[in-house]
Amino acid sequence: MNKFEQPMTPHRIGTEGRGSLENFRARRRAFRALHEAGCFVIPNPWDVGSARYLQQLGFPAVATTSAGFAFSQGLPDSEGALTCERNLAYIADIAGAVDVPVNADFASGYGASPQDVADNVTRCIAAGVAGLSIEDATGDPSSPLYELPLAVERVRAAREAIDQSRADVLLTARAECFLVGHHDALRESVRRLQAFAEAGADVLFAPGPHDPTAIKALVDAVRPKPINVLVVRDSGLSVADIAALGVRRISVGGALALAAWTGFTRAAQKLKSEGSFAGLASLVSYADINGFFVTDYRTRQADGRRSAGSRS
C-alpha cells in the first residue's frame, strides 16, 4: 500500500468510510476532473463545523484557510505563528471530516529551501489532501518574494514530492506579487506563473486582482492550465462573470471567516459600548444550526455503522 494514499487523519465517529483508501483516491480523481472544464467555487472553512456545513450546501470541494484557522486559534496569519505542525493538524481535521476533495492552503511550504518544501509537502499529502498550494512569498518585508530561480526550484521540489508519492495530488503555485505590493504586479505575476507552469504546477494562482482585464490576462497567460481567482470582497462580479473570463476555480480565502468575525465583533462592541443587544437581531436561529448538526451527527453515526458492518 502506498503510505501517501492512506492519510493519517484524526478518528471521529462516522469517519471510517471517508478515511478509506478508495475514498481518498476517488476524491483526488474528482478534484482533478473539476479542473478540466467549466468553473467551480471552492469555499474555505476554518473548522470542522463550517466544513460540514459547506459540504451540506453542495460545494464540490473545500479548501483550508490559514487566516481563518489562525484567527480561530488567537493567532496572526503568519508561518511564524501558525506552525507547520499546527496547520497540518487542521488540514487533517478538515480532510477527515468531509467526503469532498480538500485543497490545502500550505503557505510557502514552511521552509526556504527546495528540500524543506519537498519534505513538508510529503507530510501535507499524508494529511489526506486532494490538492495543495505553495506561495512564493518569503515573509520578509525587505525582500517579500523569493527570487524567481529559487521560487521555481521550490515549485519543482513540490512537484517531485507529489510525483514520488504517486497520490495524484494537484499542485497549485501562487505568485504573491499583488499581495506584497510589487510595483508591476500583473507583469511579474505573468512571468512567475508561466515559470511555475513549466516547473510542473497543475493550477496557477495570483491572488489580488478583481479587475476583469487583469484576471483575463492571467487566464490567457497560462492557458490551457487552470487559474484560481481569489474573491474576498463584493467586487461587483458574479461567479458567472468570472467563469466567462475563463477562470476554472474561485476561492474566498479567509472571507467567510471574516464574515463570521464581522457579526461577532460588531455585536460584542455594541454590547460593551452601548449596553445594547441590537447586534443580536436577525440571527440564524439556534434551532436551525443545532438541527443541522443533529442530522449531520446521526448521518455520520450511521455511516460509521455501515462501514464497520461491511468490514465484518
C-alpha atoms as a PDB file:
ATOM      1  CA  MET A   1       0.000   0.000   0.000  1.00  0.00           C
ATOM      2  CA  ASN A   2       1.263   3.460  -0.856  1.00  0.00           C
ATOM      3  CA  LYS A   3       1.724   5.220   2.512  1.00  0.00           C
ATOM      4  CA  PHE A   4       0.871   8.575   0.957  1.00  0.00           C
ATOM      5  CA  GLU A   5      -2.538   7.373  -0.192  1.00  0.00           C
ATOM      6  CA  GLN A   6      -3.743   6.363   3.293  1.00  0.00           C
ATOM      7  CA  PRO A   7      -3.760   9.631   5.243  1.00  0.00           C
ATOM      8  CA  MET A   8      -3.187   9.921   8.959  1.00  0.00           C
ATOM      9  CA  THR A   9      -6.407  11.689   9.990  1.00  0.00           C
ATOM     10  CA  PRO A  10      -7.962  12.042  13.433  1.00  0.00           C
ATOM     11  CA  HIS A  11     -10.592   9.395  14.179  1.00  0.00           C
ATOM     12  CA  ARG A  12     -14.165  10.562  14.640  1.00  0.00           C
ATOM     13  CA  ILE A  13     -17.497   8.753  14.684  1.00  0.00           C
ATOM     14  CA  GLY A  14     -18.518   8.032  11.138  1.00  0.00           C
ATOM     15  CA  THR A  15     -15.168   8.833   9.501  1.00  0.00           C
ATOM     16  CA  GLU A  16     -14.223   5.242   8.712  1.00  0.00           C
ATOM     17  CA  GLY A  17     -15.681   5.290   5.193  1.00  0.00           C
ATOM     18  CA  ARG A  18     -14.455   8.747   4.270  1.00  0.00           C
ATOM     19  CA  GLY A  19     -10.960   7.839   5.535  1.00  0.00           C
ATOM     20  CA  SER A  20     -10.668   4.739   3.371  1.00  0.00           C
ATOM     21  CA  LEU A  21      -8.003   4.361   0.716  1.00  0.00           C
ATOM     22  CA  GLU A  22     -10.503   4.210  -2.133  1.00  0.00           C
ATOM     23  CA  ASN A  23     -12.352   7.245  -0.793  1.00  0.00           C
ATOM     24  CA  PHE A  24      -9.226   9.401  -0.926  1.00  0.00           C
ATOM     25  CA  ARG A  25      -8.347   8.094  -4.385  1.00  0.00           C
ATOM     26  CA  ALA A  26     -11.859   8.953  -5.557  1.00  0.00           C
ATOM     27  CA  ARG A  27     -11.634  12.440  -4.094  1.00  0.00           C
ATOM     28  CA  ARG A  28      -8.365  13.089  -5.886  1.00  0.00           C
ATOM     29  CA  ARG A  29      -9.813  11.882  -9.191  1.00  0.00           C
ATOM     30  CA  ALA A  30     -12.876  14.081  -8.673  1.00  0.00           C
ATOM     31  CA  PHE A  31     -10.735  17.110  -7.835  1.00  0.00           C
ATOM     32  CA  ARG A  32      -8.682  16.737 -10.991  1.00  0.00           C
ATOM     33  CA  ALA A  33     -11.858  16.378 -13.062  1.00  0.00           C
ATOM     34  CA  LEU A  34     -13.249  19.614 -11.611  1.00  0.00           C
ATOM     35  CA  HIS A  35     -10.323  21.491 -13.186  1.00  0.00           C
ATOM     36  CA  GLU A  36     -10.776  20.046 -16.668  1.00  0.00           C
ATOM     37  CA  ALA A  37     -13.815  22.081 -17.754  1.00  0.00           C
ATOM     38  CA  GLY A  38     -16.139  24.783 -16.519  1.00  0.00           C
ATOM     39  CA  CYS A  39     -15.744  26.797 -13.328  1.00  0.00           C
ATOM     40  CA  PHE A  40     -16.397  25.899  -9.688  1.00  0.00           C
ATOM     41  CA  VAL A  41     -16.340  27.673  -6.332  1.00  0.00           C
ATOM     42  CA  ILE A  42     -14.140  26.158  -3.628  1.00  0.00           C
ATOM     43  CA  PRO A  43     -15.065  27.834  -0.305  1.00  0.00           C
ATOM     44  CA  ASN A  44     -12.726  27.934   2.671  1.00  0.00           C
ATOM     45  CA  PRO A  45     -13.926  26.537   6.032  1.00  0.00           C
ATOM     46  CA  TRP A  46     -11.961  27.426   9.158  1.00  0.00           C
ATOM     47  CA  ASP A  47     -13.075  24.479  11.288  1.00  0.00           C
ATOM     48  CA  VAL A  48     -14.887  21.144  11.087  1.00  0.00           C
ATOM     49  CA  GLY A  49     -18.333  22.645  11.654  1.00  0.00           C
ATOM     50  CA  SER A  50     -18.010  25.149   8.827  1.00  0.00           C
ATOM     51  CA  ALA A  51     -16.559  22.413   6.591  1.00  0.00           C
ATOM     52  CA  ARG A  52     -19.507  20.108   7.247  1.00  0.00           C
ATOM     53  CA  TYR A  53     -21.973  22.906   6.553  1.00  0.00           C
ATOM     54  CA  LEU A  54     -20.304  23.876   3.259  1.00  0.00           C
ATOM     55  CA  GLN A  55     -20.365  20.243   2.160  1.00  0.00           C
ATOM     56  CA  GLN A  56     -24.071  20.025   3.023  1.00  0.00           C
ATOM     57  CA  LEU A  57     -24.748  23.054   0.808  1.00  0.00           C
ATOM     58  CA  GLY A  58     -23.388  21.072  -2.118  1.00  0.00           C
ATOM     59  CA  PHE A  59     -19.995  22.610  -2.838  1.00  0.00           C
ATOM     60  CA  PRO A  60     -17.944  20.012  -4.748  1.00  0.00           C
ATOM     61  CA  ALA A  61     -14.710  20.696  -2.831  1.00  0.00           C
ATOM     62  CA  VAL A  62     -13.387  22.830   0.015  1.00  0.00           C
ATOM     63  CA  ALA A  63     -10.060  24.498   0.759  1.00  0.00           C
ATOM     64  CA  THR A  64      -8.435  25.296   4.056  1.00  0.00           C
ATOM     65  CA  THR A  65      -7.681  28.892   5.044  1.00  0.00           C
ATOM     66  CA  SER A  66      -4.582  29.695   7.069  1.00  0.00           C
ATOM     67  CA  ALA A  67      -6.054  33.088   8.013  1.00  0.00           C
ATOM     68  CA  GLY A  68      -9.430  31.752   9.109  1.00  0.00           C
ATOM     69  CA  PHE A  69      -7.891  28.970  11.169  1.00  0.00           C
ATOM     70  CA  ALA A  70      -5.202  31.201  12.683  1.00  0.00           C
ATOM     71  CA  PHE A  71      -7.784  33.741  13.852  1.00  0.00           C
ATOM     72  CA  SER A  72      -9.853  30.962  15.436  1.00  0.00           C
ATOM     73  CA  GLN A  73      -6.760  29.985  17.431  1.00  0.00           C
ATOM     74  CA  GLY A  74      -5.984  33.534  18.551  1.00  0.00           C
ATOM     75  CA  LEU A  75      -3.030  33.763  16.182  1.00  0.00           C
ATOM     76  CA  PRO A  76      -1.989  36.104  13.372  1.00  0.00           C
ATOM     77  CA  ASP A  77      -1.870  34.736   9.833  1.00  0.00           C
ATOM     78  CA  SER A  78       1.853  34.061   9.557  1.00  0.00           C
ATOM     79  CA  GLU A  79       4.055  30.993   9.302  1.00  0.00           C
ATOM     80  CA  GLY A  80       5.880  32.083  12.442  1.00  0.00           C
ATOM     81  CA  ALA A  81       2.675  31.929  14.485  1.00  0.00           C
ATOM     82  CA  LEU A  82       0.770  29.189  12.669  1.00  0.00           C
ATOM     83  CA  THR A  83       3.413  26.488  12.609  1.00  0.00           C
ATOM     84  CA  CYS A  84       3.632  23.693  10.086  1.00  0.00           C
ATOM     85  CA  GLU A  85       2.564  21.139  12.702  1.00  0.00           C
ATOM     86  CA  ARG A  86      -0.476  23.147  13.735  1.00  0.00           C
ATOM     87  CA  ASN A  87      -1.535  23.762  10.142  1.00  0.00           C
ATOM     88  CA  LEU A  88      -1.095  20.092   9.257  1.00  0.00           C
ATOM     89  CA  ALA A  89      -3.316  19.087  12.191  1.00  0.00           C
ATOM     90  CA  TYR A  90      -6.012  21.492  10.961  1.00  0.00           C
ATOM     91  CA  ILE A  91      -5.691  20.235   7.374  1.00  0.00           C
ATOM     92  CA  ALA A  92      -6.005  16.631   8.569  1.00  0.00           C
ATOM     93  CA  ASP A  93      -9.058  17.580  10.655  1.00  0.00           C
ATOM     94  CA  ILE A  94     -10.828  19.027   7.620  1.00  0.00           C
ATOM     95  CA  ALA A  95      -9.825  16.145   5.324  1.00  0.00           C
ATOM     96  CA  GLY A  96     -11.080  13.660   7.921  1.00  0.00           C
ATOM     97  CA  ALA A  97     -14.382  15.472   8.423  1.00  0.00           C
ATOM     98  CA  VAL A  98     -15.721  15.725   4.873  1.00  0.00           C
ATOM     99  CA  ASP A  99     -16.316  13.490   1.882  1.00  0.00           C
ATOM    100  CA  VAL A 100     -15.371  16.056  -0.778  1.00  0.00           C
ATOM    101  CA  PRO A 101     -11.858  16.883  -2.008  1.00  0.00           C
ATOM    102  CA  VAL A 102      -9.805  19.205   0.200  1.00  0.00           C
ATOM    103  CA  ASN A 103      -7.209  21.653  -1.086  1.00  0.00           C
ATOM    104  CA  ALA A 104      -4.659  22.791   1.498  1.00  0.00           C
ATOM    105  CA  ASP A 105      -3.523  26.371   1.917  1.00  0.00           C
ATOM    106  CA  PHE A 106       0.061  25.369   2.700  1.00  0.00           C
ATOM    107  CA  ALA A 107       1.556  28.872   2.842  1.00  0.00           C
ATOM    108  CA  SER A 108       5.085  28.901   1.398  1.00  0.00           C
ATOM    109  CA  GLY A 109       5.762  25.303   2.340  1.00  0.00           C
ATOM    110  CA  TYR A 110       7.228  26.110   5.750  1.00  0.00           C
ATOM    111  CA  GLY A 111      10.795  26.179   4.539  1.00  0.00           C
ATOM    112  CA  ALA A 112      13.090  28.290   2.387  1.00  0.00           C
ATOM    113  CA  SER A 113      15.000  25.522   0.648  1.00  0.00           C
ATOM    114  CA  PRO A 114      13.530  23.269  -2.041  1.00  0.00           C
ATOM    115  CA  GLN A 115      14.305  20.245   0.138  1.00  0.00           C
ATOM    116  CA  ASP A 116      12.402  21.713   3.075  1.00  0.00           C
ATOM    117  CA  VAL A 117       9.434  22.353   0.782  1.00  0.00           C
ATOM    118  CA  ALA A 118       9.569  18.801  -0.572  1.00  0.00           C
ATOM    119  CA  ASP A 119       9.720  17.273   2.909  1.00  0.00           C
ATOM    120  CA  ASN A 120       6.767  19.319   4.145  1.00  0.00           C
ATOM    121  CA  VAL A 121       4.708  18.696   1.003  1.00  0.00           C
ATOM    122  CA  THR A 122       5.181  14.980   1.641  1.00  0.00           C
ATOM    123  CA  ARG A 123       3.721  15.489   5.114  1.00  0.00           C
ATOM    124  CA  CYS A 124       0.829  17.512   3.724  1.00  0.00           C
ATOM    125  CA  ILE A 125      -0.042  14.774   1.233  1.00  0.00           C
ATOM    126  CA  ALA A 126      -0.223  12.297   4.115  1.00  0.00           C
ATOM    127  CA  ALA A 127      -2.826  14.545   5.791  1.00  0.00           C
ATOM    128  CA  GLY A 128      -5.350  13.493   3.142  1.00  0.00           C
ATOM    129  CA  VAL A 129      -5.446  16.387   0.695  1.00  0.00           C
ATOM    130  CA  ALA A 130      -6.513  16.270  -2.929  1.00  0.00           C
ATOM    131  CA  GLY A 131      -4.501  19.406  -3.671  1.00  0.00           C
ATOM    132  CA  LEU A 132      -2.190  21.922  -2.042  1.00  0.00           C
ATOM    133  CA  SER A 133      -0.828  25.370  -2.788  1.00  0.00           C
ATOM    134  CA  ILE A 134       2.683  26.759  -2.391  1.00  0.00           C
ATOM    135  CA  GLU A 135       3.396  30.506  -2.280  1.00  0.00           C
ATOM    136  CA  ASP A 136       6.485  32.410  -3.405  1.00  0.00           C
ATOM    137  CA  ALA A 137       6.346  34.903  -0.505  1.00  0.00           C
ATOM    138  CA  THR A 138       9.280  34.976   1.917  1.00  0.00           C
ATOM    139  CA  GLY A 139       7.594  36.719   4.847  1.00  0.00           C
ATOM    140  CA  ASP A 140      10.461  39.242   4.851  1.00  0.00           C
ATOM    141  CA  PRO A 141       9.184  42.800   4.189  1.00  0.00           C
ATOM    142  CA  SER A 142      12.591  43.872   2.870  1.00  0.00           C
ATOM    143  CA  SER A 143      12.565  41.114   0.231  1.00  0.00           C
ATOM    144  CA  PRO A 144       8.984  39.819   0.089  1.00  0.00           C
ATOM    145  CA  LEU A 145       9.296  37.417  -2.870  1.00  0.00           C
ATOM    146  CA  TYR A 146      11.745  34.616  -3.489  1.00  0.00           C
ATOM    147  CA  GLU A 147      13.974  35.354  -6.455  1.00  0.00           C
ATOM    148  CA  LEU A 148      12.431  33.646  -9.460  1.00  0.00           C
ATOM    149  CA  PRO A 149      15.077  30.882  -9.918  1.00  0.00           C
ATOM    150  CA  LEU A 150      14.667  29.783  -6.289  1.00  0.00           C
ATOM    151  CA  ALA A 151      10.877  30.161  -6.463  1.00  0.00           C
ATOM    152  CA  VAL A 152      10.854  27.851  -9.487  1.00  0.00           C
ATOM    153  CA  GLU A 153      13.077  25.304  -7.741  1.00  0.00           C
ATOM    154  CA  ARG A 154      10.704  25.291  -4.807  1.00  0.00           C
ATOM    155  CA  VAL A 155       7.751  24.554  -7.095  1.00  0.00           C
ATOM    156  CA  ARG A 156       9.760  21.864  -8.852  1.00  0.00           C
ATOM    157  CA  ALA A 157      10.614  20.285  -5.492  1.00  0.00           C
ATOM    158  CA  ALA A 158       6.935  20.223  -4.550  1.00  0.00           C
ATOM    159  CA  ARG A 159       6.130  18.644  -7.912  1.00  0.00           C
ATOM    160  CA  GLU A 160       8.736  15.935  -7.402  1.00  0.00           C
ATOM    161  CA  ALA A 161       7.476  15.171  -3.899  1.00  0.00           C
ATOM    162  CA  ILE A 162       3.957  14.738  -5.241  1.00  0.00           C
ATOM    163  CA  ASP A 163       5.140  12.552  -8.100  1.00  0.00           C
ATOM    164  CA  GLN A 164       7.141  10.360  -5.736  1.00  0.00           C
ATOM    165  CA  SER A 165       4.060   9.920  -3.547  1.00  0.00           C
ATOM    166  CA  ARG A 166       2.035   8.608  -6.528  1.00  0.00           C
ATOM    167  CA  ALA A 167      -1.020  10.114  -4.799  1.00  0.00           C
ATOM    168  CA  ASP A 168      -2.277  12.257  -7.729  1.00  0.00           C
ATOM    169  CA  VAL A 169      -2.444  15.440  -5.639  1.00  0.00           C
ATOM    170  CA  LEU A 170      -2.874  18.687  -7.605  1.00  0.00           C
ATOM    171  CA  LEU A 171      -0.179  21.310  -7.129  1.00  0.00           C
ATOM    172  CA  THR A 172      -1.193  24.978  -7.133  1.00  0.00           C
ATOM    173  CA  ALA A 173       1.624  27.529  -7.421  1.00  0.00           C
ATOM    174  CA  ARG A 174       0.918  31.034  -6.132  1.00  0.00           C
ATOM    175  CA  ALA A 175       2.546  34.298  -7.212  1.00  0.00           C
ATOM    176  CA  GLU A 176       2.056  36.785  -4.373  1.00  0.00           C
ATOM    177  CA  CYS A 177       3.026  39.902  -6.355  1.00  0.00           C
ATOM    178  CA  PHE A 178      -0.262  41.763  -5.845  1.00  0.00           C
ATOM    179  CA  LEU A 179      -0.407  40.989  -2.133  1.00  0.00           C
ATOM    180  CA  VAL A 180       3.141  42.192  -1.399  1.00  0.00           C
ATOM    181  CA  GLY A 181       2.712  45.409  -3.408  1.00  0.00           C
ATOM    182  CA  HIS A 182       5.057  44.681  -6.312  1.00  0.00           C
ATOM    183  CA  HIS A 183       5.417  47.796  -8.487  1.00  0.00           C
ATOM    184  CA  ASP A 184       4.441  45.885 -11.663  1.00  0.00           C
ATOM    185  CA  ALA A 185       2.319  43.155 -10.157  1.00  0.00           C
ATOM    186  CA  LEU A 186       0.489  41.943 -13.250  1.00  0.00           C
ATOM    187  CA  ARG A 187       3.565  41.644 -15.459  1.00  0.00           C
ATOM    188  CA  GLU A 188       5.589  39.972 -12.714  1.00  0.00           C
ATOM    189  CA  SER A 189       2.718  37.611 -11.876  1.00  0.00           C
ATOM    190  CA  VAL A 190       2.507  36.508 -15.511  1.00  0.00           C
ATOM    191  CA  ARG A 191       6.265  35.908 -15.609  1.00  0.00           C
ATOM    192  CA  ARG A 192       6.195  33.854 -12.448  1.00  0.00           C
ATOM    193  CA  LEU A 193       3.058  31.860 -13.207  1.00  0.00           C
ATOM    194  CA  GLN A 194       4.407  30.871 -16.616  1.00  0.00           C
ATOM    195  CA  ALA A 195       7.637  29.716 -14.993  1.00  0.00           C
ATOM    196  CA  PHE A 196       5.723  27.791 -12.342  1.00  0.00           C
ATOM    197  CA  ALA A 197       3.631  26.111 -15.023  1.00  0.00           C
ATOM    198  CA  GLU A 198       6.813  24.981 -16.754  1.00  0.00           C
ATOM    199  CA  ALA A 199       8.087  23.666 -13.405  1.00  0.00           C
ATOM    200  CA  GLY A 200       5.076  21.374 -13.094  1.00  0.00           C
ATOM    201  CA  ALA A 201       2.297  23.272 -11.332  1.00  0.00           C
ATOM    202  CA  ASP A 202      -1.157  21.958 -12.233  1.00  0.00           C
ATOM    203  CA  VAL A 203      -3.045  25.126 -11.213  1.00  0.00           C
ATOM    204  CA  LEU A 204      -1.845  28.745 -11.182  1.00  0.00           C
ATOM    205  CA  PHE A 205      -2.900  31.420  -8.726  1.00  0.00           C
ATOM    206  CA  ALA A 206      -2.056  35.129  -8.346  1.00  0.00           C
ATOM    207  CA  PRO A 207      -4.271  36.399  -5.504  1.00  0.00           C
ATOM    208  CA  GLY A 208      -5.242  40.050  -5.561  1.00  0.00           C
ATOM    209  CA  PRO A 209      -6.814  41.294  -8.809  1.00  0.00           C
ATOM    210  CA  HIS A 210     -10.560  41.850  -9.068  1.00  0.00           C
ATOM    211  CA  ASP A 211     -10.434  43.734 -12.368  1.00  0.00           C
ATOM    212  CA  PRO A 212     -11.746  41.621 -15.280  1.00  0.00           C
ATOM    213  CA  THR A 213      -8.949  42.787 -17.594  1.00  0.00           C
ATOM    214  CA  ALA A 214      -6.232  41.633 -15.192  1.00  0.00           C
ATOM    215  CA  ILE A 215      -7.990  38.347 -14.494  1.00  0.00           C
ATOM    216  CA  LYS A 216      -8.356  37.634 -18.218  1.00  0.00           C
ATOM    217  CA  ALA A 217      -4.674  38.447 -18.779  1.00  0.00           C
ATOM    218  CA  LEU A 218      -3.685  35.866 -16.167  1.00  0.00           C
ATOM    219  CA  VAL A 219      -6.017  33.258 -17.646  1.00  0.00           C
ATOM    220  CA  ASP A 220      -4.617  33.795 -21.139  1.00  0.00           C
ATOM    221  CA  ALA A 221      -1.008  33.778 -19.914  1.00  0.00           C
ATOM    222  CA  VAL A 222      -1.113  30.197 -18.634  1.00  0.00           C
ATOM    223  CA  ARG A 223      -3.786  28.676 -20.857  1.00  0.00           C
ATOM    224  CA  PRO A 224      -4.658  25.777 -21.048  1.00  0.00           C
ATOM    225  CA  LYS A 225      -3.684  25.297 -17.404  1.00  0.00           C
ATOM    226  CA  PRO A 226      -6.401  26.380 -14.968  1.00  0.00           C
ATOM    227  CA  ILE A 227      -6.339  29.594 -12.949  1.00  0.00           C
ATOM    228  CA  ASN A 228      -7.663  30.075  -9.417  1.00  0.00           C
ATOM    229  CA  VAL A 229      -9.111  33.511  -8.621  1.00  0.00           C
ATOM    230  CA  LEU A 230      -9.460  34.755  -5.053  1.00  0.00           C
ATOM    231  CA  VAL A 231     -12.572  36.789  -4.198  1.00  0.00           C
ATOM    232  CA  VAL A 232     -12.544  38.324  -0.717  1.00  0.00           C
ATOM    233  CA  ARG A 233     -14.999  41.194  -1.209  1.00  0.00           C
ATOM    234  CA  ASP A 234     -18.050  42.082  -3.275  1.00  0.00           C
ATOM    235  CA  SER A 235     -16.311  43.365  -6.393  1.00  0.00           C
ATOM    236  CA  GLY A 236     -19.498  43.509  -8.453  1.00  0.00           C
ATOM    237  CA  LEU A 237     -18.545  40.353 -10.360  1.00  0.00           C
ATOM    238  CA  SER A 238     -20.665  37.231 -10.056  1.00  0.00           C
ATOM    239  CA  VAL A 239     -19.496  33.638 -10.335  1.00  0.00           C
ATOM    240  CA  ALA A 240     -20.881  33.618 -13.876  1.00  0.00           C
ATOM    241  CA  ASP A 241     -18.943  36.789 -14.736  1.00  0.00           C
ATOM    242  CA  ILE A 242     -15.683  35.295 -13.508  1.00  0.00           C
ATOM    243  CA  ALA A 243     -16.366  31.993 -15.232  1.00  0.00           C
ATOM    244  CA  ALA A 244     -16.906  33.866 -18.512  1.00  0.00           C
ATOM    245  CA  LEU A 245     -13.303  35.138 -18.243  1.00  0.00           C
ATOM    246  CA  GLY A 246     -12.050  31.559 -18.472  1.00  0.00           C
ATOM    247  CA  VAL A 247     -11.405  31.011 -14.754  1.00  0.00           C
ATOM    248  CA  ARG A 248     -11.728  27.412 -13.601  1.00  0.00           C
ATOM    249  CA  ARG A 249     -11.653  27.800  -9.814  1.00  0.00           C
ATOM    250  CA  ILE A 250     -12.804  30.536  -7.413  1.00  0.00           C
ATOM    251  CA  SER A 251     -11.780  30.567  -3.746  1.00  0.00           C
ATOM    252  CA  VAL A 252     -12.692  33.011  -0.985  1.00  0.00           C
ATOM    253  CA  GLY A 253      -9.718  32.633   1.362  1.00  0.00           C
ATOM    254  CA  GLY A 254     -10.455  33.918   4.837  1.00  0.00           C
ATOM    255  CA  ALA A 255     -13.525  35.896   3.717  1.00  0.00           C
ATOM    256  CA  LEU A 256     -16.145  33.523   5.163  1.00  0.00           C
ATOM    257  CA  ALA A 257     -14.267  33.501   8.470  1.00  0.00           C
ATOM    258  CA  LEU A 258     -14.169  37.303   8.327  1.00  0.00           C
ATOM    259  CA  ALA A 259     -17.922  37.337   7.683  1.00  0.00           C
ATOM    260  CA  ALA A 260     -18.362  35.410  10.930  1.00  0.00           C
ATOM    261  CA  TRP A 261     -15.934  37.711  12.743  1.00  0.00           C
ATOM    262  CA  THR A 262     -17.802  40.742  11.392  1.00  0.00           C
ATOM    263  CA  GLY A 263     -21.064  39.703  13.021  1.00  0.00           C
ATOM    264  CA  PHE A 264     -19.334  38.702  16.250  1.00  0.00           C
ATOM    265  CA  THR A 265     -17.181  41.820  16.666  1.00  0.00           C
ATOM    266  CA  ARG A 266     -19.989  44.244  15.846  1.00  0.00           C
ATOM    267  CA  ALA A 267     -22.395  42.574  18.247  1.00  0.00           C
ATOM    268  CA  ALA A 268     -19.776  42.384  21.012  1.00  0.00           C
ATOM    269  CA  GLN A 269     -18.692  46.005  20.567  1.00  0.00           C
ATOM    270  CA  LYS A 270     -22.289  47.243  20.638  1.00  0.00           C
ATOM    271  CA  LEU A 271     -22.975  45.213  23.767  1.00  0.00           C
ATOM    272  CA  LYS A 272     -19.911  46.655  25.534  1.00  0.00           C
ATOM    273  CA  SER A 273     -20.071  50.271  24.351  1.00  0.00           C
ATOM    274  CA  GLU A 274     -23.845  50.808  24.367  1.00  0.00           C
ATOM    275  CA  GLY A 275     -25.212  48.058  26.573  1.00  0.00           C
ATOM    276  CA  SER A 276     -27.342  47.151  23.566  1.00  0.00           C
ATOM    277  CA  PHE A 277     -28.421  43.761  22.310  1.00  0.00           C
ATOM    278  CA  ALA A 278     -29.203  45.168  18.851  1.00  0.00           C
ATOM    279  CA  GLY A 279     -26.256  43.240  17.421  1.00  0.00           C
ATOM    280  CA  LEU A 280     -28.114  40.029  18.178  1.00  0.00           C
ATOM    281  CA  ALA A 281     -31.015  40.899  15.882  1.00  0.00           C
ATOM    282  CA  SER A 282     -31.685  38.780  12.768  1.00  0.00           C
ATOM    283  CA  LEU A 283     -29.504  35.895  13.912  1.00  0.00           C
ATOM    284  CA  VAL A 284     -29.671  32.471  12.335  1.00  0.00           C
ATOM    285  CA  SER A 285     -31.672  30.517  14.879  1.00  0.00           C
ATOM    286  CA  TYR A 286     -30.173  28.093  17.359  1.00  0.00           C
ATOM    287  CA  ALA A 287     -32.745  25.533  16.207  1.00  0.00           C
ATOM    288  CA  ASP A 288     -31.591  25.796  12.595  1.00  0.00           C
ATOM    289  CA  ILE A 289     -27.896  25.342  13.343  1.00  0.00           C
ATOM    290  CA  ASN A 290     -28.350  22.735  16.045  1.00  0.00           C
ATOM    291  CA  GLY A 291     -30.854  20.917  13.842  1.00  0.00           C
ATOM    292  CA  PHE A 292     -28.311  20.739  11.044  1.00  0.00           C
ATOM    293  CA  PHE A 293     -25.695  19.256  13.364  1.00  0.00           C
ATOM    294  CA  VAL A 294     -28.161  16.776  14.901  1.00  0.00           C
ATOM    295  CA  THR A 295     -28.973  15.433  11.438  1.00  0.00           C
ATOM    296  CA  ASP A 296     -25.329  15.537  10.377  1.00  0.00           C
ATOM    297  CA  TYR A 297     -24.186  13.702  13.514  1.00  0.00           C
ATOM    298  CA  ARG A 298     -26.768  10.951  13.060  1.00  0.00           C
ATOM    299  CA  THR A 299     -25.748  10.558   9.434  1.00  0.00           C
ATOM    300  CA  ARG A 300     -22.109  10.163  10.414  1.00  0.00           C
ATOM    301  CA  GLN A 301     -23.009   7.605  13.067  1.00  0.00           C
ATOM    302  CA  ALA A 302     -24.997   5.607  10.514  1.00  0.00           C
ATOM    303  CA  ASP A 303     -22.139   5.830   8.017  1.00  0.00           C
ATOM    304  CA  GLY A 304     -19.763   4.512  10.662  1.00  0.00           C
ATOM    305  CA  ARG A 305     -22.012   1.566  11.485  1.00  0.00           C
ATOM    306  CA  ARG A 306     -22.407   0.694   7.796  1.00  0.00           C
ATOM    307  CA  SER A 307     -18.682   0.901   7.262  1.00  0.00           C
ATOM    308  CA  ALA A 308     -17.984  -1.301  10.286  1.00  0.00           C
ATOM    309  CA  GLY A 309     -20.571  -3.822   9.084  1.00  0.00           C
ATOM    310  CA  SER A 310     -19.065  -4.023   5.618  1.00  0.00           C
ATOM    311  CA  ARG A 311     -15.679  -4.914   7.129  1.00  0.00           C
ATOM    312  CA  SER A 312     -17.066  -7.633   9.411  1.00  0.00           C
END
